[in-house]
């Protein structure tokens, strides 16, 4: 009889806790929101949860949880997985409940669904409580309280009640503390339902402790709640409150009769033992305790048998799955063997064709590459001829024209005019000389001589930069100022090649002079860490973003109407590369153009 009451009590409490937590779950889709087919499916689930067999329940849940997940009802989905664990506990399937808890815990943590961590943690606590591992159960219950925070007060109250019930025998004082927290939340929620439940549990603990002084105030409070809040009262604990009152009033026989009537919702065997102890009936109390232990042993045997059966079924299923996998593997190996033989045959057949096709493709690629190089060479030749034709013909025509004027007896020129023409002839001759020098310098920079070891000496950087600026004076526009700045003293030296560095700076300044009509050109030298930087900044027209990747290409000119053949920047880059440095266009500067040469001090 006691075993039947015990099992009925566990099932009732589990269902009660499910109903409490289900009605208060905080998520995007509440239970009250379900309508139509969704509501019908939930009602079927709830019916099977309370009245269905394990086979029917698990079969339905497997389909139902997929439907909830597909529709995005994640609150109901996670709650459903929690209920699977409670259902397994209610049917003494401890092993399966652990599997469900691990599955839920893994899923919520993988999805980082932190608002639902407490569900899995609370389920672990219920599992260990059912397994009578009170230390682990307490750990998980308290962890669940921390994880739920204030999102779900009713879940928190369930944890308080679990801890109070679990600790009622060994630690009644701590049990009372958890119930006080339960009462505080009940008052906060203004729920007489939960308040009456907590007072009923307190009365039960007073009975276990034989504490009449604490019981009577609790009894008076319970009667007050019952009298003034009858519609909201939870009458589940009326019987245990009445039993405790009869026992403390020394009506022991009536108290025992009340216990035997059942429906106490607490451990009736412990109540019997406590009443006999209060009455001083040691022999009867000992007999009741013996019956209690025998009954508990019987319950443990039933639970263990159920879990051993579960393990046996799982083992049998695993063996069947292994045999199925082995058969599939054998069939797969046979298919793979047939496929392999076919592949070998096709491989032998196709290898000859592949080699021939590969040779044809390689030859075609060589011909295409040769054609591309020929076309590039032809374009380079055309660009070179056009550029040279324009750049050399123009100064030659000027030299020829001014020479004819100077030599012609038909013109009477003053000394000042002759000097101006001589200056113009000299300028054009210098332009032709510059073009020839650039061609020679380009040829030299592409030769093996540049890639070989470069002769380096110690150079005073400030002196070198000032001499470069001095040599470039008078070659640009009259409204353009040449500047120099530095962050080192005049004794600072680097180890490099003077000719190549000077030539590179001259090319950069010459390029700036061509595109700067007004403003300034600033040459700056800086020492930063183990590097030195030469920068040439101008206030000219700047360089379009679309041209920035091409300005270092040979013969490329941003403006075809500007003098030059597009060799200055390519030569500069090759000379600086031969010194182990870099020359780049500063993309940040927007006031014109800025080129930066970077060299290592270690060179």
Protein backbone atom coordinates (compact mmCIF):
# COMPACT_ATOMS: atom_id res chain seq x y z
CA UNK A 1 0.00 0.00 0.00
CA UNK A 2 2.83 2.39 0.94
CA UNK A 3 4.64 1.65 -2.36
CA UNK A 4 1.50 2.49 -4.35
CA UNK A 5 1.09 5.75 -2.43
CA UNK A 6 4.77 6.57 -2.93
CA UNK A 7 4.62 6.04 -6.69
CA UNK A 8 1.35 7.95 -6.97
CA UNK A 9 2.85 10.80 -4.95
CA UNK A 10 5.94 11.02 -7.18
CA UNK A 11 3.84 11.00 -10.33
CA UNK A 12 1.50 13.68 -8.94
CA UNK A 13 4.34 15.94 -7.80
CA UNK A 14 6.14 15.60 -11.15
CA UNK A 15 2.97 16.49 -13.05
CA UNK A 16 2.30 19.39 -10.68
CA UNK A 17 5.79 20.81 -11.15
CA UNK A 18 5.46 20.47 -14.93
CA UNK A 19 2.18 22.40 -14.91
CA UNK A 20 3.68 25.18 -12.76
CA UNK A 21 6.80 25.64 -14.88
CA UNK A 22 4.90 25.27 -18.17
CA UNK A 23 2.49 28.04 -17.32
CA UNK A 24 5.25 30.51 -16.49
CA UNK A 25 7.86 29.91 -19.15
CA UNK A 26 9.23 33.26 -20.44
CA UNK A 27 9.73 33.13 -24.17
CA UNK A 28 8.61 34.38 -27.50
CA UNK A 29 5.65 31.97 -27.92
CA UNK A 30 3.50 31.52 -24.81
CA UNK A 31 1.24 28.56 -24.21
CA UNK A 32 -1.79 30.86 -24.22
CA UNK A 33 -0.84 31.99 -27.76
CA UNK A 34 -1.46 28.55 -29.26
CA UNK A 35 -4.60 28.22 -31.37
CA UNK A 36 -6.09 25.86 -33.91
CA UNK A 37 -3.93 22.90 -34.90
CA UNK A 38 -1.07 24.07 -32.68
CA UNK A 39 -3.33 23.95 -29.63
CA UNK A 40 -4.73 20.54 -30.56
CA UNK A 41 -1.23 19.11 -30.90
CA UNK A 42 -0.21 20.53 -27.54
CA UNK A 43 -3.34 19.15 -25.83
CA UNK A 44 -2.53 15.71 -27.24
CA UNK A 45 1.02 16.03 -25.90
CA UNK A 46 -0.21 17.07 -22.45
CA UNK A 47 -2.66 14.16 -22.35
CA UNK A 48 0.09 11.65 -23.19
CA UNK A 49 2.37 13.32 -20.64
CA UNK A 50 -0.11 12.54 -17.86
CA UNK A 51 -1.84 9.38 -19.11
CA UNK A 52 0.16 7.89 -22.00
CA UNK A 53 2.46 4.89 -22.07
CA UNK A 54 6.20 5.48 -22.66
CA UNK A 55 6.03 4.04 -26.18
CA UNK A 56 3.11 6.28 -27.19
CA UNK A 57 4.55 9.35 -25.49
CA UNK A 58 8.07 9.10 -26.96
CA UNK A 59 6.76 8.33 -30.45
CA UNK A 60 4.52 11.39 -30.39
CA UNK A 61 7.15 13.68 -28.85
CA UNK A 62 9.70 12.79 -31.53
CA UNK A 63 7.41 14.21 -34.23
CA UNK A 64 6.05 17.05 -32.12
CA UNK A 65 9.41 18.51 -31.14
CA UNK A 66 10.47 18.59 -34.81
CA UNK A 67 7.29 20.52 -35.63
CA UNK A 68 7.95 23.05 -32.86
CA UNK A 69 11.54 23.58 -33.98
CA UNK A 70 10.55 24.02 -37.63
CA UNK A 71 7.99 26.67 -36.62
CA UNK A 72 10.49 28.48 -34.38
CA UNK A 73 8.55 27.91 -31.15
CA UNK A 74 11.82 27.58 -29.19
CA UNK A 75 10.29 28.11 -25.75
CA UNK A 76 7.87 25.24 -26.22
CA UNK A 77 10.58 23.19 -27.96
CA UNK A 78 13.03 23.38 -25.05
CA UNK A 79 10.21 22.88 -22.57
CA UNK A 80 9.12 19.77 -24.45
CA UNK A 81 12.62 18.31 -24.16
CA UNK A 82 12.55 19.08 -20.43
CA UNK A 83 9.23 17.28 -20.09
CA UNK A 84 10.74 14.18 -21.71
CA UNK A 85 13.13 14.01 -18.77
CA UNK A 86 10.34 14.48 -16.22
CA UNK A 87 8.25 11.81 -17.94
CA UNK A 88 11.16 9.37 -17.79
CA UNK A 89 11.60 10.12 -14.07
CA UNK A 90 7.90 9.58 -13.41
CA UNK A 91 8.23 6.12 -15.00
CA UNK A 92 11.44 5.23 -13.09
CA UNK A 93 13.57 5.49 -16.25
CA UNK A 94 16.52 7.19 -14.60
CA UNK A 95 19.01 6.21 -17.31
CA UNK A 96 16.83 7.60 -20.07
CA UNK A 97 16.18 10.79 -18.07
CA UNK A 98 19.94 11.38 -17.86
CA UNK A 99 20.20 10.93 -21.63
CA UNK A 100 17.45 13.50 -22.18
CA UNK A 101 19.10 15.97 -19.77
CA UNK A 102 22.48 15.63 -21.50
CA UNK A 103 20.82 16.08 -24.90
CA UNK A 104 19.00 19.24 -23.75
CA UNK A 105 22.08 20.69 -22.03
CA UNK A 106 24.26 20.12 -25.09
CA UNK A 107 21.71 21.67 -27.43
CA UNK A 108 21.04 24.89 -25.47
CA UNK A 109 24.74 25.49 -24.90
CA UNK A 110 25.65 24.83 -28.53
CA UNK A 111 22.94 27.32 -29.59
CA UNK A 112 24.15 29.71 -26.82
CA UNK A 113 20.52 29.96 -25.67
CA UNK A 114 21.52 31.29 -22.24
CA UNK A 115 17.93 32.07 -21.28
CA UNK A 116 17.25 28.30 -21.27
CA UNK A 117 20.38 26.94 -19.52
CA UNK A 118 18.46 26.63 -16.27
CA UNK A 119 16.03 24.08 -17.75
CA UNK A 120 18.74 21.45 -18.26
CA UNK A 121 20.37 22.31 -14.93
CA UNK A 122 17.07 21.97 -13.04
CA UNK A 123 16.39 18.64 -14.77
CA UNK A 124 19.80 17.36 -13.64
CA UNK A 125 18.84 18.34 -10.09
CA UNK A 126 15.55 16.40 -10.27
CA UNK A 127 17.38 13.35 -11.64
CA UNK A 128 19.97 13.30 -8.85
CA UNK A 129 17.26 13.94 -6.28
CA UNK A 130 15.36 10.89 -7.55
CA UNK A 131 18.63 8.93 -7.40
CA UNK A 132 19.09 10.11 -3.78
CA UNK A 133 22.41 11.81 -4.54
CA UNK A 134 21.52 14.84 -2.45
CA UNK A 135 24.90 16.56 -2.76
CA UNK A 136 24.76 16.73 -6.56
CA UNK A 137 21.03 17.48 -6.53
CA UNK A 138 21.62 20.49 -4.26
CA UNK A 139 24.47 21.68 -6.51
CA UNK A 140 22.32 21.63 -9.63
CA UNK A 141 19.26 23.17 -7.93
CA UNK A 142 21.31 26.14 -6.63
CA UNK A 143 23.03 26.54 -10.01
CA UNK A 144 19.63 26.59 -11.72
CA UNK A 145 18.50 29.35 -9.35
CA UNK A 146 21.53 31.45 -10.38
CA UNK A 147 20.94 30.80 -14.10
CA UNK A 148 17.22 31.58 -14.10
CA UNK A 149 17.82 34.89 -12.27
CA UNK A 150 14.46 36.74 -12.17
CA UNK A 151 13.15 35.59 -15.57
CA UNK A 152 10.92 32.81 -14.21
CA UNK A 153 9.81 33.30 -10.56
CA UNK A 154 7.67 30.15 -10.56
CA UNK A 155 10.61 28.02 -11.68
CA UNK A 156 12.67 29.61 -8.89
CA UNK A 157 9.96 28.71 -6.38
CA UNK A 158 9.97 25.12 -7.64
CA UNK A 159 13.72 24.98 -6.95
CA UNK A 160 13.14 26.38 -3.45
CA UNK A 161 10.48 23.71 -2.80
CA UNK A 162 12.74 20.93 -4.11
CA UNK A 163 15.60 22.04 -1.86
CA UNK A 164 13.29 22.37 1.15
CA UNK A 165 11.77 18.91 0.64
CA UNK A 166 15.16 17.30 -0.03
CA UNK A 167 16.83 18.81 3.06
CA UNK A 168 13.85 18.37 5.39
CA UNK A 169 15.34 15.38 7.26
CA UNK A 170 19.10 16.01 7.36
CA UNK A 171 19.10 19.82 7.47
CA UNK A 172 15.66 21.04 8.62
CA UNK A 173 16.99 24.53 9.52
CA UNK A 174 18.32 25.05 5.99
CA UNK A 175 15.09 23.58 4.65
CA UNK A 176 13.17 26.25 6.53
CA UNK A 177 15.45 28.95 5.04
CA UNK A 178 14.60 27.84 1.50
CA UNK A 179 10.91 27.87 2.40
CA UNK A 180 11.27 31.42 3.76
CA UNK A 181 12.63 32.45 0.35
CA UNK A 182 9.68 30.67 -1.25
CA UNK A 183 7.29 32.62 1.01
CA UNK A 184 9.01 35.91 0.09
CA UNK A 185 8.49 35.29 -3.63
CA UNK A 186 4.89 34.17 -3.00
CA UNK A 187 4.22 37.46 -1.17
CA UNK A 188 5.91 39.38 -3.96
CA UNK A 189 3.65 37.66 -6.51
CA UNK A 190 0.66 38.08 -4.16
CA UNK A 191 -0.15 34.40 -4.70
CA UNK A 192 -2.09 32.74 -1.90
CA UNK A 193 -1.85 29.49 -3.86
CA UNK A 194 1.93 29.29 -3.46
CA UNK A 195 1.85 30.77 0.04
CA UNK A 196 -0.46 27.98 1.26
CA UNK A 197 1.84 25.36 -0.32
CA UNK A 198 4.89 26.77 1.49
CA UNK A 199 3.04 26.90 4.82
CA UNK A 200 1.91 23.29 4.35
CA UNK A 201 5.51 22.19 3.72
CA UNK A 202 6.66 24.13 6.78
CA UNK A 203 4.06 22.28 8.87
CA UNK A 204 5.43 18.97 7.56
CA UNK A 205 9.01 19.93 8.53
CA UNK A 206 7.83 20.95 12.01
CA UNK A 207 6.29 17.48 12.34
CA UNK A 208 9.58 15.85 11.33
CA UNK A 209 11.46 18.02 13.85
CA UNK A 210 8.78 17.61 16.60
CA UNK A 211 8.84 21.40 16.93
CA UNK A 212 5.45 22.40 18.39
CA UNK A 213 6.53 25.98 19.20
CA UNK A 214 7.19 26.78 15.56
CA UNK A 215 4.25 24.72 14.25
CA UNK A 216 1.38 26.54 15.96
CA UNK A 217 2.17 30.02 14.50
CA UNK A 218 2.48 28.40 11.08
CA UNK A 219 -0.84 26.61 11.64
CA UNK A 220 -2.56 29.87 12.62
CA UNK A 221 -1.15 31.59 9.53
CA UNK A 222 -2.31 28.69 7.35
CA UNK A 223 -5.83 28.87 8.79
CA UNK A 224 -5.88 32.63 8.26
CA UNK A 225 -4.95 32.21 4.59
CA UNK A 226 -7.53 29.45 4.26
CA UNK A 227 -10.24 31.58 5.84
CA UNK A 228 -9.60 34.88 4.05
CA UNK A 229 -8.46 33.62 0.64
CA UNK A 230 -10.52 30.49 0.07
CA UNK A 231 -10.88 30.84 -3.76
CA UNK A 232 -7.09 31.21 -4.19
CA UNK A 233 -6.07 28.59 -1.63
CA UNK A 234 -4.14 25.49 -2.64
CA UNK A 235 -5.63 22.64 -0.56
CA UNK A 236 -3.02 20.05 -1.48
CA UNK A 237 -1.40 20.19 1.96
CA UNK A 238 -4.59 20.33 4.07
CA UNK A 239 -4.18 16.70 5.15
CA UNK A 240 -0.57 16.98 6.32
CA UNK A 241 -1.41 20.19 8.22
CA UNK A 242 -4.32 18.37 9.92
CA UNK A 243 -2.10 15.36 10.72
CA UNK A 244 0.54 17.63 12.29
CA UNK A 245 -2.14 19.46 14.32
CA UNK A 246 -3.56 16.17 15.65
CA UNK A 247 -0.06 14.90 16.51
CA UNK A 248 0.99 18.08 18.32
CA UNK A 249 -2.38 18.04 20.16
CA UNK A 250 -1.42 14.47 21.23
CA UNK A 251 -4.30 12.88 19.34
CA UNK A 252 -1.83 10.27 18.00
CA UNK A 253 -4.37 7.62 16.99
CA UNK A 254 -6.43 10.09 15.00
CA UNK A 255 -3.25 11.41 13.42
CA UNK A 256 -2.22 7.86 12.36
CA UNK A 257 -5.71 7.19 10.99
CA UNK A 258 -5.48 10.41 8.99
CA UNK A 259 -2.12 9.31 7.60
CA UNK A 260 -3.51 5.94 6.53
CA UNK A 261 -6.30 7.67 4.68
CA UNK A 262 -3.54 8.78 2.24
CA UNK A 263 -3.21 11.79 -0.07
CA UNK A 264 -0.68 13.59 2.13
CA UNK A 265 1.62 14.54 -0.78
CA UNK A 266 4.59 13.92 1.52
CA UNK A 267 6.39 10.79 2.74
CA UNK A 268 3.62 9.12 4.76
CA UNK A 269 6.02 6.47 6.16
CA UNK A 270 8.15 9.18 7.76
CA UNK A 271 5.01 10.75 9.21
CA UNK A 272 4.06 7.43 10.83
CA UNK A 273 7.54 7.05 12.32
CA UNK A 274 7.51 10.61 13.68
CA UNK A 275 4.05 10.21 15.25
CA UNK A 276 5.08 6.97 16.98
CA UNK A 277 8.20 8.73 18.24
CA UNK A 278 6.14 11.66 19.58
CA UNK A 279 3.80 9.16 21.29
CA UNK A 280 6.74 7.29 22.82
CA UNK A 281 5.82 4.02 21.05
CA UNK A 282 9.40 2.90 20.41
CA UNK A 283 8.56 -0.64 19.28
CA UNK A 284 5.86 0.51 16.88
CA UNK A 285 8.12 3.30 15.62
CA UNK A 286 10.90 0.77 15.02
CA UNK A 287 8.47 -1.51 13.16
CA UNK A 288 7.29 1.40 11.01
CA UNK A 289 10.91 2.35 10.29
CA UNK A 290 11.67 -1.26 9.32
CA UNK A 291 8.68 -1.31 6.99
CA UNK A 292 9.84 2.01 5.53
CA UNK A 293 13.33 0.68 4.75
CA UNK A 294 11.91 -2.52 3.28
CA UNK A 295 9.59 -0.43 1.12
CA UNK A 296 12.45 1.89 0.05
CA UNK A 297 14.57 -1.13 -0.80
CA UNK A 298 11.72 -2.48 -2.90
CA UNK A 299 11.37 0.89 -4.68
CA UNK A 300 15.13 1.00 -5.34
CA UNK A 301 14.94 -2.53 -6.73
CA UNK A 302 12.13 -1.52 -9.07
CA UNK A 303 14.05 1.54 -10.24
CA UNK A 304 17.27 -0.42 -10.74
CA UNK A 305 15.42 -3.16 -12.59
CA UNK A 306 13.83 -0.57 -14.87
CA UNK A 307 17.19 1.02 -15.58
CA UNK A 308 18.91 -2.33 -16.10
CA UNK A 309 16.17 -3.20 -18.58
CA UNK A 310 16.75 0.14 -20.26
CA UNK A 311 20.50 -0.57 -20.45
CA UNK A 312 19.83 -4.03 -21.84
CA UNK A 313 17.51 -2.61 -24.47
CA UNK A 314 20.05 0.07 -25.37
CA UNK A 315 22.79 -2.58 -25.61
CA UNK A 316 20.64 -4.79 -27.81
CA UNK A 317 19.78 -1.83 -30.01
CA UNK A 318 23.45 -0.87 -30.28
CA UNK A 319 24.37 -4.41 -31.29
CA UNK A 320 21.65 -4.41 -33.94
CA UNK A 321 22.90 -1.06 -35.20
CA UNK A 322 26.48 -2.37 -35.29
CA UNK A 323 25.40 -5.41 -37.29
CA UNK A 324 23.49 -3.18 -39.69
CA UNK A 325 26.50 -0.88 -40.04
CA UNK A 326 28.78 -3.91 -40.65
CA UNK A 327 26.46 -5.21 -43.38
CA UNK A 328 26.29 -1.78 -44.96
CA UNK A 329 30.06 -1.51 -44.78
CA UNK A 330 30.49 -4.88 -46.52
CA UNK A 331 28.05 -3.90 -49.26
CA UNK A 332 29.79 -0.57 -49.62
CA UNK A 333 33.18 -2.28 -49.92
CA UNK A 334 31.83 -4.52 -52.68
CA UNK A 335 30.43 -1.55 -54.55
CA UNK A 336 33.69 0.33 -54.04
CA UNK A 337 35.64 -2.66 -55.42
CA UNK A 338 33.50 -2.72 -58.55
CA UNK A 339 33.78 1.03 -58.93
CA UNK A 340 37.55 0.81 -58.40
CA UNK A 341 37.95 -1.79 -61.15
CA UNK A 342 35.90 0.37 -63.49
CA UNK A 343 37.98 3.40 -62.61
CA UNK A 344 41.24 1.51 -63.23
CA UNK A 345 40.00 0.42 -66.64
CA UNK A 346 38.92 3.95 -67.52
CA UNK A 347 42.17 5.34 -66.14
CA UNK A 348 44.29 3.09 -68.35
CA UNK A 349 42.14 3.99 -71.33
CA UNK A 350 42.14 7.72 -70.70
CA UNK A 351 45.77 8.19 -69.70
CA UNK A 352 46.98 8.05 -73.31
CA UNK A 353 44.35 10.56 -74.39
CA UNK A 354 45.12 12.76 -71.41
CA UNK A 355 48.83 12.87 -72.19
CA UNK A 356 48.13 13.82 -75.78
CA UNK A 357 45.62 16.50 -74.76
CA UNK A 358 48.03 17.79 -72.13
CA UNK A 359 50.77 18.19 -74.74
CA UNK A 360 48.36 20.00 -77.05
CA UNK A 361 47.28 22.33 -74.24
CA UNK A 362 50.88 23.01 -73.23
CA UNK A 363 51.82 23.82 -76.81
CA UNK A 364 48.76 26.02 -77.20
CA UNK A 365 49.64 27.87 -74.00
CA UNK A 366 53.18 28.44 -75.21
CA UNK A 367 51.87 29.83 -78.49
CA UNK A 368 49.38 32.07 -76.67
CA UNK A 369 52.10 33.34 -74.30
CA UNK A 370 54.39 33.98 -77.25
CA UNK A 371 51.59 35.85 -79.04
CA UNK A 372 50.90 37.95 -75.93
CA UNK A 373 54.60 38.78 -75.57
CA UNK A 374 54.83 39.66 -79.25
CA UNK A 375 51.78 41.91 -79.01
CA UNK A 376 53.14 43.55 -75.87
CA UNK A 377 56.51 44.04 -77.54
CA UNK A 378 54.82 45.51 -80.60
CA UNK A 379 52.79 47.88 -78.42
CA UNK A 380 55.88 48.86 -76.46
CA UNK A 381 57.76 49.49 -79.70
CA UNK A 382 54.90 51.61 -81.07
CA UNK A 383 54.66 53.59 -77.82
CA UNK A 384 58.41 54.04 -77.73
CA UNK A 385 58.63 55.21 -81.36
CA UNK A 386 55.70 57.60 -80.97
CA UNK A 387 57.05 59.02 -77.73
CA UNK A 388 60.60 59.33 -79.02
CA UNK A 389 59.39 60.83 -82.31
CA UNK A 390 57.49 63.53 -80.46
CA UNK A 391 59.95 64.19 -77.65
CA UNK A 392 63.04 64.39 -79.91
CA UNK A 393 61.46 66.04 -82.97
CA UNK A 394 60.09 68.96 -80.96
CA UNK A 395 63.43 70.14 -79.47
CA UNK A 396 65.26 69.37 -82.75
CA UNK A 397 62.81 71.56 -84.67
CA UNK A 398 63.39 74.30 -82.13
CA UNK A 399 67.18 73.95 -82.39
CA UNK A 400 67.00 73.93 -86.21
CA UNK A 401 64.67 76.93 -86.35
CA UNK A 402 66.65 79.11 -83.95
CA UNK A 403 69.93 78.12 -85.66
CA UNK A 404 68.56 79.21 -89.04
CA UNK A 405 67.48 82.52 -87.59
CA UNK A 406 70.89 83.10 -85.99
CA UNK A 407 72.75 82.20 -89.16
CA UNK A 408 70.46 83.97 -91.64
CA UNK A 409 71.71 87.35 -92.97
CA UNK A 410 68.10 88.38 -93.48
CA UNK A 411 67.55 88.88 -89.78
CA UNK A 412 69.13 91.65 -87.79
CA UNK A 413 69.10 90.59 -84.16
CA UNK A 414 70.17 92.47 -81.09
CA UNK A 415 72.60 90.93 -78.65
CA UNK A 416 69.82 90.39 -76.19
CA UNK A 417 67.72 88.49 -78.77
CA UNK A 418 70.74 86.37 -79.71
CA UNK A 419 71.32 85.49 -76.08
CA UNK A 420 67.66 84.49 -75.66
CA UNK A 421 67.78 82.26 -78.78
CA UNK A 422 71.06 80.72 -77.64
CA UNK A 423 69.42 80.00 -74.28
CA UNK A 424 66.44 78.41 -76.03
CA UNK A 425 68.77 76.30 -78.21
CA UNK A 426 70.66 75.26 -75.08
CA UNK A 427 67.40 74.30 -73.31
CA UNK A 428 66.28 72.12 -76.23
CA UNK A 429 69.70 70.49 -76.54
CA UNK A 430 69.50 69.76 -72.78
CA UNK A 431 66.07 68.22 -73.33
CA UNK A 432 67.44 65.94 -76.06
CA UNK A 433 70.40 65.08 -73.85
CA UNK A 434 68.02 64.31 -70.95
CA UNK A 435 66.00 61.94 -73.14
CA UNK A 436 69.15 60.15 -74.30
CA UNK A 437 70.44 59.97 -70.73
CA UNK A 438 67.13 58.46 -69.55
CA UNK A 439 67.33 55.82 -72.28
CA UNK A 440 70.90 55.00 -71.32
CA UNK A 441 69.95 54.93 -67.64
CA UNK A 442 66.99 52.62 -68.33
CA UNK A 443 69.24 50.28 -70.30
CA UNK A 444 71.79 50.34 -67.52
CA UNK A 445 69.16 49.73 -64.81
CA UNK A 446 67.91 46.64 -66.68
CA UNK A 447 71.40 45.20 -67.16
CA UNK A 448 73.11 42.69 -64.89
CA UNK A 449 75.15 45.54 -63.47
CA UNK A 450 72.19 46.79 -61.38
CA UNK A 451 71.43 43.38 -59.92
CA UNK A 452 75.08 42.84 -58.99
CA UNK A 453 76.72 44.09 -55.81
CA UNK A 454 76.32 47.89 -55.46
CA UNK A 455 79.27 49.93 -54.27
CA UNK A 456 78.23 51.89 -51.18
CA UNK A 457 79.85 54.64 -49.15
CA UNK A 458 78.96 56.74 -46.12
CA UNK A 459 76.75 59.66 -47.18
CA UNK A 460 75.74 62.78 -45.29
CA UNK A 461 72.06 62.88 -45.99
CA UNK A 462 71.45 66.60 -45.48
CA UNK A 463 74.34 67.55 -47.76
CA UNK A 464 73.14 65.12 -50.45
CA UNK A 465 69.56 66.45 -50.37
CA UNK A 466 70.64 70.10 -50.45
CA UNK A 467 72.94 69.49 -53.45
CA UNK A 468 70.06 67.75 -55.27
CA UNK A 469 67.78 70.75 -54.69
CA UNK A 470 70.54 73.14 -55.80
CA UNK A 471 70.97 71.22 -59.07
CA UNK A 472 67.21 71.34 -59.75
CA UNK A 473 66.80 75.10 -59.25
CA UNK A 474 65.72 76.99 -62.32
CA UNK A 475 64.30 73.94 -64.08
CA UNK A 476 60.72 74.33 -62.84
CA UNK A 477 58.14 77.08 -62.88
CA UNK A 478 59.16 80.42 -61.42
CA UNK A 479 56.18 80.40 -58.99
CA UNK A 480 57.19 77.05 -57.47
CA UNK A 481 59.34 77.16 -54.34
CA UNK A 482 61.85 74.37 -53.60
CA UNK A 483 61.99 73.48 -49.91
CA UNK A 484 64.00 71.14 -47.73
CA UNK A 485 63.31 69.87 -44.19
CA UNK A 486 64.88 67.23 -41.96
CA UNK A 487 64.73 65.79 -38.43
CA UNK A 488 68.47 64.96 -38.13
CA UNK A 489 71.62 67.04 -37.78
CA UNK A 490 74.15 67.53 -40.58
CA UNK A 491 76.51 64.83 -39.25
CA UNK A 492 73.97 62.04 -39.74
CA UNK A 493 75.17 59.52 -42.35
CA UNK A 494 73.88 56.39 -44.08
CA UNK A 495 75.71 53.69 -46.02
CA UNK A 496 74.45 53.72 -49.62
CA UNK A 497 75.27 54.50 -53.27
CA UNK A 498 75.40 58.26 -53.84
CA UNK A 499 74.84 58.19 -57.61
CA UNK A 500 71.72 56.01 -57.54
CA UNK A 501 70.18 57.81 -54.59
CA UNK A 502 70.88 61.26 -56.11
CA UNK A 503 69.53 60.14 -59.50
CA UNK A 504 66.35 58.78 -57.88
CA UNK A 505 65.70 62.04 -56.01
CA UNK A 506 66.34 64.07 -59.18
CA UNK A 507 63.80 62.00 -61.10
CA UNK A 508 61.15 62.50 -58.37
CA UNK A 509 61.76 66.28 -58.18
CA UNK A 510 61.81 66.57 -61.98
CA UNK A 511 58.49 64.71 -62.13
CA UNK A 512 57.03 67.08 -59.49
CA UNK A 513 58.25 70.15 -61.44
CA UNK A 514 56.47 68.99 -64.60
CA UNK A 515 53.08 68.85 -62.84
CA UNK A 516 53.37 71.80 -60.41
CA UNK A 517 52.62 75.29 -61.72
CA UNK A 518 52.34 77.13 -58.39
CA UNK A 519 53.05 76.42 -54.75
CA UNK A 520 56.04 74.44 -53.55
CA UNK A 521 58.00 71.20 -53.84
CA UNK A 522 59.22 69.90 -50.49
CA UNK A 523 62.08 67.43 -50.11
CA UNK A 524 62.17 65.96 -46.59
CA UNK A 525 64.55 63.52 -44.91
CA UNK A 526 63.52 61.60 -41.76
CA UNK A 527 65.11 59.01 -39.53
CA UNK A 528 62.60 56.57 -37.96
CA UNK A 529 63.87 53.58 -35.99
CA UNK A 530 66.01 51.42 -38.27
CA UNK A 531 64.80 53.17 -41.44
CA UNK A 532 65.36 56.45 -43.27
CA UNK A 533 62.73 58.12 -45.46
CA UNK A 534 63.16 60.56 -48.36
CA UNK A 535 59.84 62.16 -49.35
CA UNK A 536 59.12 64.52 -52.25
CA UNK A 537 55.84 66.43 -51.81
CA UNK A 538 54.33 68.83 -54.32
CA UNK A 539 51.21 70.97 -54.62
CA UNK A 540 50.59 70.03 -58.23
CA UNK A 541 47.66 68.39 -59.99
CA UNK A 542 48.11 65.08 -58.20
CA UNK A 543 47.58 61.59 -59.60
CA UNK A 544 44.17 60.10 -60.37
CA UNK A 545 43.29 56.98 -58.42
CA UNK A 546 42.87 55.01 -61.65
CA UNK A 547 46.50 55.84 -62.65
CA UNK A 548 48.18 55.03 -59.33
CA UNK A 549 48.85 51.39 -60.20
CA UNK A 550 50.40 52.27 -63.59
CA UNK A 551 52.66 55.27 -62.97
CA UNK A 552 55.71 53.03 -62.46
CA UNK A 553 55.20 51.26 -65.81
CA UNK A 554 57.79 51.96 -68.53
CA UNK A 555 56.71 54.65 -71.06
CA UNK A 556 53.41 55.25 -69.22
CA UNK A 557 52.42 58.95 -69.07
CA UNK A 558 49.51 60.33 -67.11
CA UNK A 559 49.34 63.35 -69.43
CA UNK A 560 50.49 62.88 -73.05
CA UNK A 561 50.89 66.65 -73.48
CA UNK A 562 53.52 66.91 -70.77
CA UNK A 563 57.18 66.61 -71.77
CA UNK A 564 59.05 63.40 -71.06
CA UNK A 565 58.85 59.83 -72.28
CA UNK A 566 57.56 58.13 -69.13
CA UNK A 567 60.87 56.76 -67.83
CA UNK A 568 61.58 58.85 -64.72
CA UNK A 569 59.49 56.91 -62.19
CA UNK A 570 60.34 53.41 -63.56
CA UNK A 571 64.07 54.25 -63.45
CA UNK A 572 63.68 55.65 -59.92
CA UNK A 573 62.00 52.47 -58.68
CA UNK A 574 64.67 50.21 -60.24
CA UNK A 575 67.51 52.24 -58.76
CA UNK A 576 65.96 52.23 -55.27
CA UNK A 577 65.16 48.50 -55.54
CA UNK A 578 68.84 47.88 -56.35
CA UNK A 579 69.66 49.64 -53.05
CA UNK A 580 67.34 47.30 -51.16
CA UNK A 581 64.65 49.95 -50.61
CA UNK A 582 61.20 50.89 -51.87
CA UNK A 583 59.60 53.91 -53.50
CA UNK A 584 55.84 54.33 -53.22
CA UNK A 585 53.13 56.89 -53.82
CA UNK A 586 51.55 58.08 -50.57
CA UNK A 587 47.77 57.42 -51.05
CA UNK A 588 46.81 59.51 -48.00
CA UNK A 589 48.21 62.84 -49.20
CA UNK A 590 45.59 64.79 -51.22
CA UNK A 591 47.24 68.22 -51.75
CA UNK A 592 49.14 67.04 -54.84
CA UNK A 593 51.53 64.11 -54.95
CA UNK A 594 53.94 62.64 -52.42
CA UNK A 595 56.50 59.93 -53.21
CA UNK A 596 58.35 58.24 -50.35
CA UNK A 597 61.69 56.41 -50.61
CA UNK A 598 62.33 54.01 -47.72
CA UNK A 599 65.81 52.58 -47.02
CA UNK A 600 67.11 50.47 -44.17
CA UNK A 601 69.82 51.93 -41.93
CA UNK A 602 71.37 48.46 -41.71
CA UNK A 603 72.29 48.41 -45.43
